[in-house]
C-alpha atoms as a PDB file:
ATOM      1  CA  UNK A   1      12.255   0.363  -5.148  1.00  0.00           C
ATOM      2  CA  UNK A   2      12.694  -2.135  -7.979  1.00  0.00           C
ATOM      3  CA  UNK A   3      15.991  -2.466  -9.851  1.00  0.00           C
ATOM      4  CA  UNK A   4      14.246  -1.120 -12.986  1.00  0.00           C
ATOM      5  CA  UNK A   5      13.066   2.025 -11.186  1.00  0.00           C
ATOM      6  CA  UNK A   6      16.506   2.483  -9.656  1.00  0.00           C
ATOM      7  CA  UNK A   7      18.035   2.312 -13.127  1.00  0.00           C
ATOM      8  CA  UNK A   8      15.460   4.804 -14.435  1.00  0.00           C
ATOM      9  CA  UNK A   9      16.273   7.276 -11.668  1.00  0.00           C
ATOM     10  CA  UNK A  10      19.970   7.019 -12.461  1.00  0.00           C
ATOM     11  CA  UNK A  11      19.317   7.657 -16.168  1.00  0.00           C
ATOM     12  CA  UNK A  12      17.107  10.720 -15.763  1.00  0.00           C
ATOM     13  CA  UNK A  13      19.129  12.366 -12.973  1.00  0.00           C
ATOM     14  CA  UNK A  14      21.714  14.582 -14.697  1.00  0.00           C
ATOM     15  CA  UNK A  15      24.636  16.100 -12.773  1.00  0.00           C
ATOM     16  CA  UNK A  16      24.858  19.879 -12.487  1.00  0.00           C
ATOM     17  CA  UNK A  17      27.940  21.385 -14.069  1.00  0.00           C
ATOM     18  CA  UNK A  18      26.989  24.918 -12.937  1.00  0.00           C
ATOM     19  CA  UNK A  19      25.342  25.854  -9.650  1.00  0.00           C
ATOM     20  CA  UNK A  20      24.294  29.492  -9.297  1.00  0.00           C
ATOM     21  CA  UNK A  21      23.638  30.636  -5.742  1.00  0.00           C
ATOM     22  CA  UNK A  22      21.984  34.018  -5.026  1.00  0.00           C
ATOM     23  CA  UNK A  23      24.016  35.640  -7.788  1.00  0.00           C
ATOM     24  CA  UNK A  24      23.453  39.398  -7.682  1.00  0.00           C
ATOM     25  CA  UNK A  25      24.910  42.387  -9.495  1.00  0.00           C
ATOM     26  CA  UNK A  26      23.968  45.944  -8.570  1.00  0.00           C
ATOM     27  CA  UNK A  27      24.859  49.110 -10.414  1.00  0.00           C
ATOM     28  CA  UNK A  28      24.054  51.784  -7.870  1.00  0.00           C
ATOM     29  CA  UNK A  29      20.458  51.193  -6.800  1.00  0.00           C
ATOM     30  CA  UNK A  30      19.687  49.032  -9.853  1.00  0.00           C
ATOM     31  CA  UNK A  31      19.840  45.257  -9.398  1.00  0.00           C
ATOM     32  CA  UNK A  32      20.671  44.085 -12.925  1.00  0.00           C
ATOM     33  CA  UNK A  33      20.676  40.494 -11.630  1.00  0.00           C
ATOM     34  CA  UNK A  34      18.681  39.948  -8.460  1.00  0.00           C
ATOM     35  CA  UNK A  35      19.523  36.886  -6.298  1.00  0.00           C
ATOM     36  CA  UNK A  36      19.599  34.414  -9.171  1.00  0.00           C
ATOM     37  CA  UNK A  37      19.693  30.770  -8.100  1.00  0.00           C
ATOM     38  CA  UNK A  38      19.554  27.818 -10.498  1.00  0.00           C
ATOM     39  CA  UNK A  39      21.598  24.966 -11.908  1.00  0.00           C
ATOM     40  CA  UNK A  40      22.747  23.990 -15.387  1.00  0.00           C
ATOM     41  CA  UNK A  41      22.909  20.274 -16.160  1.00  0.00           C
ATOM     42  CA  UNK A  42      25.932  18.801 -17.863  1.00  0.00           C
ATOM     43  CA  UNK A  43      25.394  18.271 -21.598  1.00  0.00           C
ATOM     44  CA  UNK A  44      22.288  20.452 -21.939  1.00  0.00           C
ATOM     45  CA  UNK A  45      21.494  23.651 -23.794  1.00  0.00           C
ATOM     46  CA  UNK A  46      19.985  26.031 -21.264  1.00  0.00           C
ATOM     47  CA  UNK A  47      18.168  28.897 -22.938  1.00  0.00           C
ATOM     48  CA  UNK A  48      18.456  32.092 -20.920  1.00  0.00           C
ATOM     49  CA  UNK A  49      15.451  33.981 -22.227  1.00  0.00           C
ATOM     50  CA  UNK A  50      14.252  37.506 -21.651  1.00  0.00           C
ATOM     51  CA  UNK A  51      13.969  40.958 -23.223  1.00  0.00           C
ATOM     52  CA  UNK A  52      16.923  43.291 -23.597  1.00  0.00           C
ATOM     53  CA  UNK A  53      17.711  44.583 -20.113  1.00  0.00           C
ATOM     54  CA  UNK A  54      16.411  41.478 -18.310  1.00  0.00           C
ATOM     55  CA  UNK A  55      19.855  40.666 -16.894  1.00  0.00           C
ATOM     56  CA  UNK A  56      20.948  37.898 -19.281  1.00  0.00           C
ATOM     57  CA  UNK A  57      24.245  39.445 -20.380  1.00  0.00           C
ATOM     58  CA  UNK A  58      25.133  40.586 -16.862  1.00  0.00           C
ATOM     59  CA  UNK A  59      24.498  37.068 -15.538  1.00  0.00           C
ATOM     60  CA  UNK A  60      26.711  35.376 -18.113  1.00  0.00           C
ATOM     61  CA  UNK A  61      29.473  37.974 -17.690  1.00  0.00           C
ATOM     62  CA  UNK A  62      29.554  37.073 -13.999  1.00  0.00           C
ATOM     63  CA  UNK A  63      29.685  33.359 -14.835  1.00  0.00           C
ATOM     64  CA  UNK A  64      32.538  34.098 -17.236  1.00  0.00           C
ATOM     65  CA  UNK A  65      34.372  36.041 -14.451  1.00  0.00           C
ATOM     66  CA  UNK A  66      34.416  39.172 -16.624  1.00  0.00           C
ATOM     67  CA  UNK A  67      32.607  41.148 -13.896  1.00  0.00           C
ATOM     68  CA  UNK A  68      32.424  40.424 -10.173  1.00  0.00           C
ATOM     69  CA  UNK A  69      29.146  39.727  -8.369  1.00  0.00           C
ATOM     70  CA  UNK A  70      27.872  42.127  -5.733  1.00  0.00           C
ATOM     71  CA  UNK A  71      26.492  39.167  -3.780  1.00  0.00           C
ATOM     72  CA  UNK A  72      26.315  35.403  -4.159  1.00  0.00           C
ATOM     73  CA  UNK A  73      28.467  33.167  -6.335  1.00  0.00           C
ATOM     74  CA  UNK A  74      28.422  30.296  -8.806  1.00  0.00           C
ATOM     75  CA  UNK A  75      30.263  26.995  -8.953  1.00  0.00           C
ATOM     76  CA  UNK A  76      31.346  26.279 -12.541  1.00  0.00           C
ATOM     77  CA  UNK A  77      32.775  22.830 -13.208  1.00  0.00           C
ATOM     78  CA  UNK A  78      33.576  22.509  -9.508  1.00  0.00           C
ATOM     79  CA  UNK A  79      35.296  25.915  -9.229  1.00  0.00           C
ATOM     80  CA  UNK A  80      33.994  29.012  -7.469  1.00  0.00           C
ATOM     81  CA  UNK A  81      33.880  32.030  -9.786  1.00  0.00           C
ATOM     82  CA  UNK A  82      35.060  34.251  -6.916  1.00  0.00           C
ATOM     83  CA  UNK A  83      37.848  32.048  -5.565  1.00  0.00           C
ATOM     84  CA  UNK A  84      39.115  30.321  -8.725  1.00  0.00           C
ATOM     85  CA  UNK A  85      38.397  32.586 -11.714  1.00  0.00           C
ATOM     86  CA  UNK A  86      41.387  31.280 -13.711  1.00  0.00           C
ATOM     87  CA  UNK A  87      40.192  27.678 -13.345  1.00  0.00           C
ATOM     88  CA  UNK A  88      36.708  28.714 -14.450  1.00  0.00           C
ATOM     89  CA  UNK A  89      38.035  30.513 -17.539  1.00  0.00           C
ATOM     90  CA  UNK A  90      39.905  27.355 -18.549  1.00  0.00           C
ATOM     91  CA  UNK A  91      36.567  25.534 -18.942  1.00  0.00           C
ATOM     92  CA  UNK A  92      34.770  28.208 -20.930  1.00  0.00           C
ATOM     93  CA  UNK A  93      34.351  29.337 -24.491  1.00  0.00           C
ATOM     94  CA  UNK A  94      32.481  32.614 -24.910  1.00  0.00           C
ATOM     95  CA  UNK A  95      30.800  34.257 -27.884  1.00  0.00           C
ATOM     96  CA  UNK A  96      30.051  37.796 -26.777  1.00  0.00           C
ATOM     97  CA  UNK A  97      27.015  39.843 -27.777  1.00  0.00           C
ATOM     98  CA  UNK A  98      29.301  42.527 -29.222  1.00  0.00           C
ATOM     99  CA  UNK A  99      32.276  40.899 -31.027  1.00  0.00           C
ATOM    100  CA  UNK A 100      35.690  42.356 -30.133  1.00  0.00           C
ATOM    101  CA  UNK A 101      38.204  42.042 -32.979  1.00  0.00           C
ATOM    102  CA  UNK A 102      40.400  45.129 -32.682  1.00  0.00           C
ATOM    103  CA  UNK A 103      43.689  43.339 -32.004  1.00  0.00           C
ATOM    104  CA  UNK A 104      43.752  41.376 -35.259  1.00  0.00           C
ATOM    105  CA  UNK A 105      43.115  42.242 -38.881  1.00  0.00           C
ATOM    106  CA  UNK A 106      41.150  39.406 -40.531  1.00  0.00           C
ATOM    107  CA  UNK A 107      38.639  36.631 -39.695  1.00  0.00           C
ATOM    108  CA  UNK A 108      41.416  34.075 -40.273  1.00  0.00           C
ATOM    109  CA  UNK A 109      43.610  35.875 -37.718  1.00  0.00           C
ATOM    110  CA  UNK A 110      40.786  35.968 -35.150  1.00  0.00           C
ATOM    111  CA  UNK A 111      39.936  32.273 -35.326  1.00  0.00           C
ATOM    112  CA  UNK A 112      43.513  31.041 -35.818  1.00  0.00           C
ATOM    113  CA  UNK A 113      44.742  33.104 -32.862  1.00  0.00           C
ATOM    114  CA  UNK A 114      41.912  31.734 -30.725  1.00  0.00           C
ATOM    115  CA  UNK A 115      42.774  28.154 -31.729  1.00  0.00           C
ATOM    116  CA  UNK A 116      46.437  28.786 -30.788  1.00  0.00           C
ATOM    117  CA  UNK A 117      45.408  30.068 -27.351  1.00  0.00           C
ATOM    118  CA  UNK A 118      43.355  26.885 -26.897  1.00  0.00           C
ATOM    119  CA  UNK A 119      46.499  24.845 -27.523  1.00  0.00           C
ATOM    120  CA  UNK A 120      45.549  23.097 -30.772  1.00  0.00           C
ATOM    121  CA  UNK A 121      48.522  21.503 -32.627  1.00  0.00           C
ATOM    122  CA  UNK A 122      49.440  23.197 -35.906  1.00  0.00           C
ATOM    123  CA  UNK A 123      47.949  20.692 -38.371  1.00  0.00           C
ATOM    124  CA  UNK A 124      44.778  20.166 -36.331  1.00  0.00           C
ATOM    125  CA  UNK A 125      44.463  23.921 -35.888  1.00  0.00           C
ATOM    126  CA  UNK A 126      44.672  24.670 -39.623  1.00  0.00           C
ATOM    127  CA  UNK A 127      42.175  21.932 -40.439  1.00  0.00           C
ATOM    128  CA  UNK A 128      39.710  23.021 -37.778  1.00  0.00           C
ATOM    129  CA  UNK A 129      39.984  26.745 -38.566  1.00  0.00           C
ATOM    130  CA  UNK A 130      39.231  26.080 -42.235  1.00  0.00           C
ATOM    131  CA  UNK A 131      36.330  23.810 -41.281  1.00  0.00           C
ATOM    132  CA  UNK A 132      34.589  26.308 -39.006  1.00  0.00           C
ATOM    133  CA  UNK A 133      35.141  29.288 -41.332  1.00  0.00           C
ATOM    134  CA  UNK A 134      33.593  27.193 -44.096  1.00  0.00           C
ATOM    135  CA  UNK A 135      30.707  26.246 -41.828  1.00  0.00           C
ATOM    136  CA  UNK A 136      29.854  29.871 -40.982  1.00  0.00           C
ATOM    137  CA  UNK A 137      30.323  31.044 -44.597  1.00  0.00           C
ATOM    138  CA  UNK A 138      33.418  33.092 -43.761  1.00  0.00           C
ATOM    139  CA  UNK A 139      36.040  31.173 -45.766  1.00  0.00           C
ATOM    140  CA  UNK A 140      35.899  33.391 -48.853  1.00  0.00           C
ATOM    141  CA  UNK A 141      36.201  36.662 -46.874  1.00  0.00           C
ATOM    142  CA  UNK A 142      38.749  35.156 -44.417  1.00  0.00           C
ATOM    143  CA  UNK A 143      41.420  37.724 -45.368  1.00  0.00           C
ATOM    144  CA  UNK A 144      39.055  40.702 -45.396  1.00  0.00           C
ATOM    145  CA  UNK A 145      39.836  43.447 -42.888  1.00  0.00           C
ATOM    146  CA  UNK A 146      37.606  43.089 -39.820  1.00  0.00           C
ATOM    147  CA  UNK A 147      36.755  46.795 -39.950  1.00  0.00           C
ATOM    148  CA  UNK A 148      35.044  46.168 -43.306  1.00  0.00           C
ATOM    149  CA  UNK A 149      32.865  43.330 -41.997  1.00  0.00           C
ATOM    150  CA  UNK A 150      29.133  43.760 -41.517  1.00  0.00           C
ATOM    151  CA  UNK A 151      27.528  43.153 -38.129  1.00  0.00           C
ATOM    152  CA  UNK A 152      26.276  39.739 -39.271  1.00  0.00           C
ATOM    153  CA  UNK A 153      29.737  38.712 -40.513  1.00  0.00           C
ATOM    154  CA  UNK A 154      31.288  39.711 -37.207  1.00  0.00           C
ATOM    155  CA  UNK A 155      28.747  37.545 -35.370  1.00  0.00           C
ATOM    156  CA  UNK A 156      29.689  34.607 -37.607  1.00  0.00           C
ATOM    157  CA  UNK A 157      33.361  35.058 -36.724  1.00  0.00           C
ATOM    158  CA  UNK A 158      32.487  35.291 -33.031  1.00  0.00           C
ATOM    159  CA  UNK A 159      30.610  31.986 -33.273  1.00  0.00           C
ATOM    160  CA  UNK A 160      33.547  30.428 -35.161  1.00  0.00           C
ATOM    161  CA  UNK A 161      35.704  31.000 -32.055  1.00  0.00           C
ATOM    162  CA  UNK A 162      33.390  28.752 -30.027  1.00  0.00           C
ATOM    163  CA  UNK A 163      33.214  26.110 -32.747  1.00  0.00           C
ATOM    164  CA  UNK A 164      36.976  25.886 -33.200  1.00  0.00           C
ATOM    165  CA  UNK A 165      37.520  25.611 -29.446  1.00  0.00           C
ATOM    166  CA  UNK A 166      34.786  23.044 -28.646  1.00  0.00           C
ATOM    167  CA  UNK A 167      34.867  23.984 -24.950  1.00  0.00           C
ATOM    168  CA  UNK A 168      33.507  22.006 -22.039  1.00  0.00           C
ATOM    169  CA  UNK A 169      31.109  24.893 -21.361  1.00  0.00           C
ATOM    170  CA  UNK A 170      30.063  27.322 -24.105  1.00  0.00           C
ATOM    171  CA  UNK A 171      28.369  30.639 -23.343  1.00  0.00           C
ATOM    172  CA  UNK A 172      26.779  32.310 -26.359  1.00  0.00           C
ATOM    173  CA  UNK A 173      25.090  35.699 -26.143  1.00  0.00           C
ATOM    174  CA  UNK A 174      22.590  36.487 -28.936  1.00  0.00           C
ATOM    175  CA  UNK A 175      24.424  34.129 -31.343  1.00  0.00           C
ATOM    176  CA  UNK A 176      22.329  34.867 -34.437  1.00  0.00           C
ATOM    177  CA  UNK A 177      21.631  38.592 -34.047  1.00  0.00           C
ATOM    178  CA  UNK A 178      21.968  40.379 -37.422  1.00  0.00           C
ATOM    179  CA  UNK A 179      22.305  37.039 -39.250  1.00  0.00           C
ATOM    180  CA  UNK A 180      20.000  36.050 -42.105  1.00  0.00           C
ATOM    181  CA  UNK A 181      17.579  33.126 -41.764  1.00  0.00           C
ATOM    182  CA  UNK A 182      19.799  30.639 -43.651  1.00  0.00           C
ATOM    183  CA  UNK A 183      22.761  31.580 -41.487  1.00  0.00           C
ATOM    184  CA  UNK A 184      20.639  31.261 -38.331  1.00  0.00           C
ATOM    185  CA  UNK A 185      19.740  27.666 -39.150  1.00  0.00           C
ATOM    186  CA  UNK A 186      23.378  26.791 -39.856  1.00  0.00           C
ATOM    187  CA  UNK A 187      24.469  28.167 -36.501  1.00  0.00           C
ATOM    188  CA  UNK A 188      21.580  26.425 -34.727  1.00  0.00           C
ATOM    189  CA  UNK A 189      22.651  23.103 -36.230  1.00  0.00           C
ATOM    190  CA  UNK A 190      26.259  23.693 -35.199  1.00  0.00           C
ATOM    191  CA  UNK A 191      25.230  24.478 -31.627  1.00  0.00           C
ATOM    192  CA  UNK A 192      23.180  21.268 -31.496  1.00  0.00           C
ATOM    193  CA  UNK A 193      26.168  19.310 -32.839  1.00  0.00           C
ATOM    194  CA  UNK A 194      28.407  20.936 -30.224  1.00  0.00           C
ATOM    195  CA  UNK A 195      26.001  19.825 -27.486  1.00  0.00           C
ATOM    196  CA  UNK A 196      25.845  16.318 -28.934  1.00  0.00           C
ATOM    197  CA  UNK A 197      29.653  16.172 -28.808  1.00  0.00           C
ATOM    198  CA  UNK A 198      29.467  16.784 -25.041  1.00  0.00           C
ATOM    199  CA  UNK A 199      29.566  20.538 -24.506  1.00  0.00           C
ATOM    200  CA  UNK A 200      27.203  22.267 -22.095  1.00  0.00           C
ATOM    201  CA  UNK A 201      25.778  25.447 -23.615  1.00  0.00           C
ATOM    202  CA  UNK A 202      24.194  28.538 -22.076  1.00  0.00           C
ATOM    203  CA  UNK A 203      22.269  30.330 -24.801  1.00  0.00           C
ATOM    204  CA  UNK A 204      21.283  33.905 -23.935  1.00  0.00           C
ATOM    205  CA  UNK A 205      18.667  35.173 -26.360  1.00  0.00           C
ATOM    206  CA  UNK A 206      15.604  37.355 -26.687  1.00  0.00           C
ATOM    207  CA  UNK A 207      14.433  35.347 -29.707  1.00  0.00           C
ATOM    208  CA  UNK A 208      11.674  33.105 -28.403  1.00  0.00           C
ATOM    209  CA  UNK A 209      11.623  30.799 -31.424  1.00  0.00           C
ATOM    210  CA  UNK A 210      15.393  30.311 -31.177  1.00  0.00           C
ATOM    211  CA  UNK A 211      15.121  29.359 -27.507  1.00  0.00           C
ATOM    212  CA  UNK A 212      12.261  26.981 -28.274  1.00  0.00           C
ATOM    213  CA  UNK A 213      14.139  25.237 -31.091  1.00  0.00           C
ATOM    214  CA  UNK A 214      17.474  24.796 -29.317  1.00  0.00           C
ATOM    215  CA  UNK A 215      16.925  24.595 -25.572  1.00  0.00           C
ATOM    216  CA  UNK A 216      16.629  21.453 -23.487  1.00  0.00           C
ATOM    217  CA  UNK A 217      15.444  23.757 -20.715  1.00  0.00           C
ATOM    218  CA  UNK A 218      14.558  27.441 -20.669  1.00  0.00           C
ATOM    219  CA  UNK A 219      15.074  29.916 -17.826  1.00  0.00           C
ATOM    220  CA  UNK A 220      13.028  33.108 -18.209  1.00  0.00           C
ATOM    221  CA  UNK A 221      14.452  36.307 -16.681  1.00  0.00           C
ATOM    222  CA  UNK A 222      12.580  39.551 -16.191  1.00  0.00           C
ATOM    223  CA  UNK A 223      13.961  42.627 -14.435  1.00  0.00           C
ATOM    224  CA  UNK A 224      16.901  40.628 -13.131  1.00  0.00           C
ATOM    225  CA  UNK A 225      14.813  37.907 -11.508  1.00  0.00           C
ATOM    226  CA  UNK A 226      14.275  34.275 -12.483  1.00  0.00           C
ATOM    227  CA  UNK A 227      10.580  33.793 -13.198  1.00  0.00           C
ATOM    228  CA  UNK A 228      10.492  30.117 -14.164  1.00  0.00           C
ATOM    229  CA  UNK A 229      12.756  27.340 -15.477  1.00  0.00           C
ATOM    230  CA  UNK A 230      11.744  24.093 -17.201  1.00  0.00           C
ATOM    231  CA  UNK A 231      11.609  22.331 -20.566  1.00  0.00           C
ATOM    232  CA  UNK A 232       9.855  24.302 -23.319  1.00  0.00           C
ATOM    233  CA  UNK A 233       7.077  21.695 -23.427  1.00  0.00           C
ATOM    234  CA  UNK A 234       6.392  21.841 -19.687  1.00  0.00           C
ATOM    235  CA  UNK A 235       6.430  25.632 -19.739  1.00  0.00           C
ATOM    236  CA  UNK A 236       3.863  25.677 -22.526  1.00  0.00           C
ATOM    237  CA  UNK A 237       1.763  23.063 -20.753  1.00  0.00           C
ATOM    238  CA  UNK A 238       1.808  25.216 -17.593  1.00  0.00           C
ATOM    239  CA  UNK A 239      -0.489  27.781 -19.236  1.00  0.00           C
ATOM    240  CA  UNK A 240      -4.090  27.289 -18.222  1.00  0.00           C
ATOM    241  CA  UNK A 241      -6.162  26.922 -21.341  1.00  0.00           C
ATOM    242  CA  UNK A 242      -4.244  24.735 -23.753  1.00  0.00           C
ATOM    243  CA  UNK A 243      -5.627  26.369 -26.905  1.00  0.00           C
ATOM    244  CA  UNK A 244      -5.057  29.846 -28.288  1.00  0.00           C
ATOM    245  CA  UNK A 245      -7.271  31.912 -30.557  1.00  0.00           C
ATOM    246  CA  UNK A 246      -5.930  35.112 -32.130  1.00  0.00           C
ATOM    247  CA  UNK A 247      -8.669  37.427 -33.334  1.00  0.00           C
ATOM    248  CA  UNK A 248      -7.911  40.340 -35.648  1.00  0.00           C
ATOM    249  CA  UNK A 249     -10.693  42.941 -35.662  1.00  0.00           C
ATOM    250  CA  UNK A 250     -11.736  45.581 -38.156  1.00  0.00           C
ATOM    251  CA  UNK A 251     -11.853  48.189 -35.347  1.00  0.00           C
ATOM    252  CA  UNK A 252     -10.534  48.673 -31.829  1.00  0.00           C
ATOM    253  CA  UNK A 253     -11.931  46.095 -29.422  1.00  0.00           C
ATOM    254  CA  UNK A 254     -14.547  47.673 -27.085  1.00  0.00           C
ATOM    255  CA  UNK A 255     -13.864  47.076 -23.392  1.00  0.00           C
ATOM    256  CA  UNK A 256     -17.322  45.547 -23.042  1.00  0.00           C
ATOM    257  CA  UNK A 257     -16.478  42.857 -25.614  1.00  0.00           C
ATOM    258  CA  UNK A 258     -13.263  41.959 -23.772  1.00  0.00           C
ATOM    259  CA  UNK A 259     -15.229  41.597 -20.530  1.00  0.00           C
ATOM    260  CA  UNK A 260     -17.888  39.473 -22.231  1.00  0.00           C
ATOM    261  CA  UNK A 261     -15.173  37.184 -23.639  1.00  0.00           C
ATOM    262  CA  UNK A 262     -13.669  36.766 -20.162  1.00  0.00           C
ATOM    263  CA  UNK A 263     -17.115  35.757 -18.958  1.00  0.00           C
ATOM    264  CA  UNK A 264     -17.288  32.728 -21.261  1.00  0.00           C
ATOM    265  CA  UNK A 265     -16.880  29.554 -19.208  1.00  0.00           C
ATOM    266  CA  UNK A 266     -14.229  27.987 -21.444  1.00  0.00           C
ATOM    267  CA  UNK A 267     -12.092  31.160 -21.711  1.00  0.00           C
ATOM    268  CA  UNK A 268      -9.227  31.210 -19.202  1.00  0.00           C
ATOM    269  CA  UNK A 269      -7.694  34.575 -20.131  1.00  0.00           C
ATOM    270  CA  UNK A 270      -7.872  37.369 -22.705  1.00  0.00           C
ATOM    271  CA  UNK A 271      -4.900  39.525 -23.694  1.00  0.00           C
ATOM    272  CA  UNK A 272      -5.225  42.650 -25.815  1.00  0.00           C
ATOM    273  CA  UNK A 273      -2.023  42.449 -27.895  1.00  0.00           C
ATOM    274  CA  UNK A 274      -2.975  45.538 -29.904  1.00  0.00           C
ATOM    275  CA  UNK A 275      -6.153  47.661 -29.940  1.00  0.00           C
ATOM    276  CA  UNK A 276      -7.454  45.527 -32.810  1.00  0.00           C
ATOM    277  CA  UNK A 277      -5.832  42.200 -31.842  1.00  0.00           C
ATOM    278  CA  UNK A 278      -7.067  39.923 -29.040  1.00  0.00           C
ATOM    279  CA  UNK A 279      -5.478  36.678 -27.874  1.00  0.00           C
ATOM    280  CA  UNK A 280      -7.708  34.208 -26.020  1.00  0.00           C
ATOM    281  CA  UNK A 281      -6.451  31.301 -23.918  1.00  0.00           C
ATOM    282  CA  UNK A 282      -9.187  28.710 -23.646  1.00  0.00           C
ATOM    283  CA  UNK A 283     -10.282  25.105 -23.421  1.00  0.00           C
ATOM    284  CA  UNK A 284     -12.398  23.126 -25.915  1.00  0.00           C
ATOM    285  CA  UNK A 285     -11.575  25.479 -28.787  1.00  0.00           C
ATOM    286  CA  UNK A 286     -13.877  23.708 -31.271  1.00  0.00           C
ATOM    287  CA  UNK A 287     -16.889  24.250 -29.025  1.00  0.00           C
ATOM    288  CA  UNK A 288     -16.218  27.823 -27.976  1.00  0.00           C
ATOM    289  CA  UNK A 289     -15.194  29.473 -31.282  1.00  0.00           C
ATOM    290  CA  UNK A 290     -18.809  29.603 -32.566  1.00  0.00           C
ATOM    291  CA  UNK A 291     -19.804  31.387 -29.338  1.00  0.00           C
ATOM    292  CA  UNK A 292     -16.953  33.870 -29.817  1.00  0.00           C
ATOM    293  CA  UNK A 293     -18.057  34.580 -33.395  1.00  0.00           C
ATOM    294  CA  UNK A 294     -21.642  35.053 -32.258  1.00  0.00           C
ATOM    295  CA  UNK A 295     -20.572  37.483 -29.534  1.00  0.00           C
ATOM    296  CA  UNK A 296     -18.678  39.728 -31.980  1.00  0.00           C
ATOM    297  CA  UNK A 297     -21.583  39.579 -34.421  1.00  0.00           C
ATOM    298  CA  UNK A 298     -24.042  40.599 -31.708  1.00  0.00           C
ATOM    299  CA  UNK A 299     -21.829  43.577 -30.769  1.00  0.00           C
ATOM    300  CA  UNK A 300     -21.386  44.591 -34.439  1.00  0.00           C
ATOM    301  CA  UNK A 301     -17.592  44.273 -34.204  1.00  0.00           C
ATOM    302  CA  UNK A 302     -16.182  43.006 -37.543  1.00  0.00           C
ATOM    303  CA  UNK A 303     -13.615  40.173 -37.534  1.00  0.00           C
ATOM    304  CA  UNK A 304     -10.977  40.320 -40.287  1.00  0.00           C
ATOM    305  CA  UNK A 305      -9.232  37.054 -39.328  1.00  0.00           C
ATOM    306  CA  UNK A 306      -9.226  34.347 -36.691  1.00  0.00           C
ATOM    307  CA  UNK A 307      -6.388  31.866 -36.072  1.00  0.00           C
ATOM    308  CA  UNK A 308      -6.125  28.896 -33.708  1.00  0.00           C
ATOM    309  CA  UNK A 309      -2.814  27.552 -32.390  1.00  0.00           C
ATOM    310  CA  UNK A 310      -0.996  25.928 -29.473  1.00  0.00           C
ATOM    311  CA  UNK A 311       0.947  27.993 -26.901  1.00  0.00           C
ATOM    312  CA  UNK A 312       4.475  29.199 -27.700  1.00  0.00           C
ATOM    313  CA  UNK A 313       7.225  30.616 -25.492  1.00  0.00           C
ATOM    314  CA  UNK A 314       5.791  34.057 -26.354  1.00  0.00           C
ATOM    315  CA  UNK A 315       2.655  32.956 -24.530  1.00  0.00           C
ATOM    316  CA  UNK A 316       4.674  31.554 -21.620  1.00  0.00           C
ATOM    317  CA  UNK A 317       6.454  34.892 -21.222  1.00  0.00           C
ATOM    318  CA  UNK A 318       3.160  36.783 -21.433  1.00  0.00           C
ATOM    319  CA  UNK A 319       1.576  34.386 -18.922  1.00  0.00           C
ATOM    320  CA  UNK A 320       4.260  35.006 -16.287  1.00  0.00           C
ATOM    321  CA  UNK A 321       4.794  38.748 -16.867  1.00  0.00           C
ATOM    322  CA  UNK A 322       1.509  40.033 -18.294  1.00  0.00           C
ATOM    323  CA  UNK A 323       3.532  41.498 -21.172  1.00  0.00           C
ATOM    324  CA  UNK A 324       4.623  40.462 -24.625  1.00  0.00           C
ATOM    325  CA  UNK A 325       8.407  40.356 -24.946  1.00  0.00           C
ATOM    326  CA  UNK A 326       8.250  43.465 -27.175  1.00  0.00           C
ATOM    327  CA  UNK A 327       6.323  45.341 -24.472  1.00  0.00           C
ATOM    328  CA  UNK A 328       8.793  44.128 -21.838  1.00  0.00           C
ATOM    329  CA  UNK A 329      11.718  45.437 -23.875  1.00  0.00           C
ATOM    330  CA  UNK A 330      10.092  48.877 -24.028  1.00  0.00           C
ATOM    331  CA  UNK A 331       9.448  48.650 -20.299  1.00  0.00           C
ATOM    332  CA  UNK A 332      13.115  47.866 -19.572  1.00  0.00           C
ATOM    333  CA  UNK A 333      14.414  50.930 -21.426  1.00  0.00           C
END
């Protein structure tokens, strides 16, 4: 191996800061997390993606030593979550899915108390608390009683705890739920800055666009099992048929039309998203779209719109589960 190739291998090989080994949690006969094994590289944002009920929150609560595994373990920053839970907690900052603020009265109290626990000196603490409350648009209501805060405001305060701490490993569960689009983008930018400052971040979300925008790698969970893990680009490229055509019809799609579409040589797969909405995965989109239009015309099925695009993480999830994430969430209930 040449010196250049040796250098390249050293550059691209990232150390694992978390190693998860057959991690399992059962509640009675239900395996909420089912023999999960994977690693998290130091300095990355790993998107933990899946519908509600997929096992994301249970997995991160085990990593955070909040609940104990039924089987398996994880090594976090060199410490076993079973044998050294206190050492593990010292490395973590956690933004929970459901913010808990009952022991204090205001957003300032929440974030300032958290900064004290993290050992920040007084002057640095005051400066940093003001900075993060400003950043999440919670400076003006900093003295408002937490019981009067909306769900979105509580999520902002929960994220401020992570930002004031700047932990070695940050675990964030649904960080932008109930937050408006402007607030989402602010929090996304802050998470990216936190990663760039050296933190490793596990981002649990059921928002596919959020995972796509933020994650260096994405791990998709479904019914407690890991389906696939890779970069968003590689996951999208893994779908056979690199082009997508969404067809909106003026009536329910006849089964015969769906079968005829599947019979086209360039069409890899057809999904019926709704009775009147078909999604086609295909190759050579420019060549095959006229044939698709001709087929619908021949069958007297009116088309109200047709849209071409590249695959998204929605399509990756559908490819590996046969369901849209909305359908999967209904299935998990």
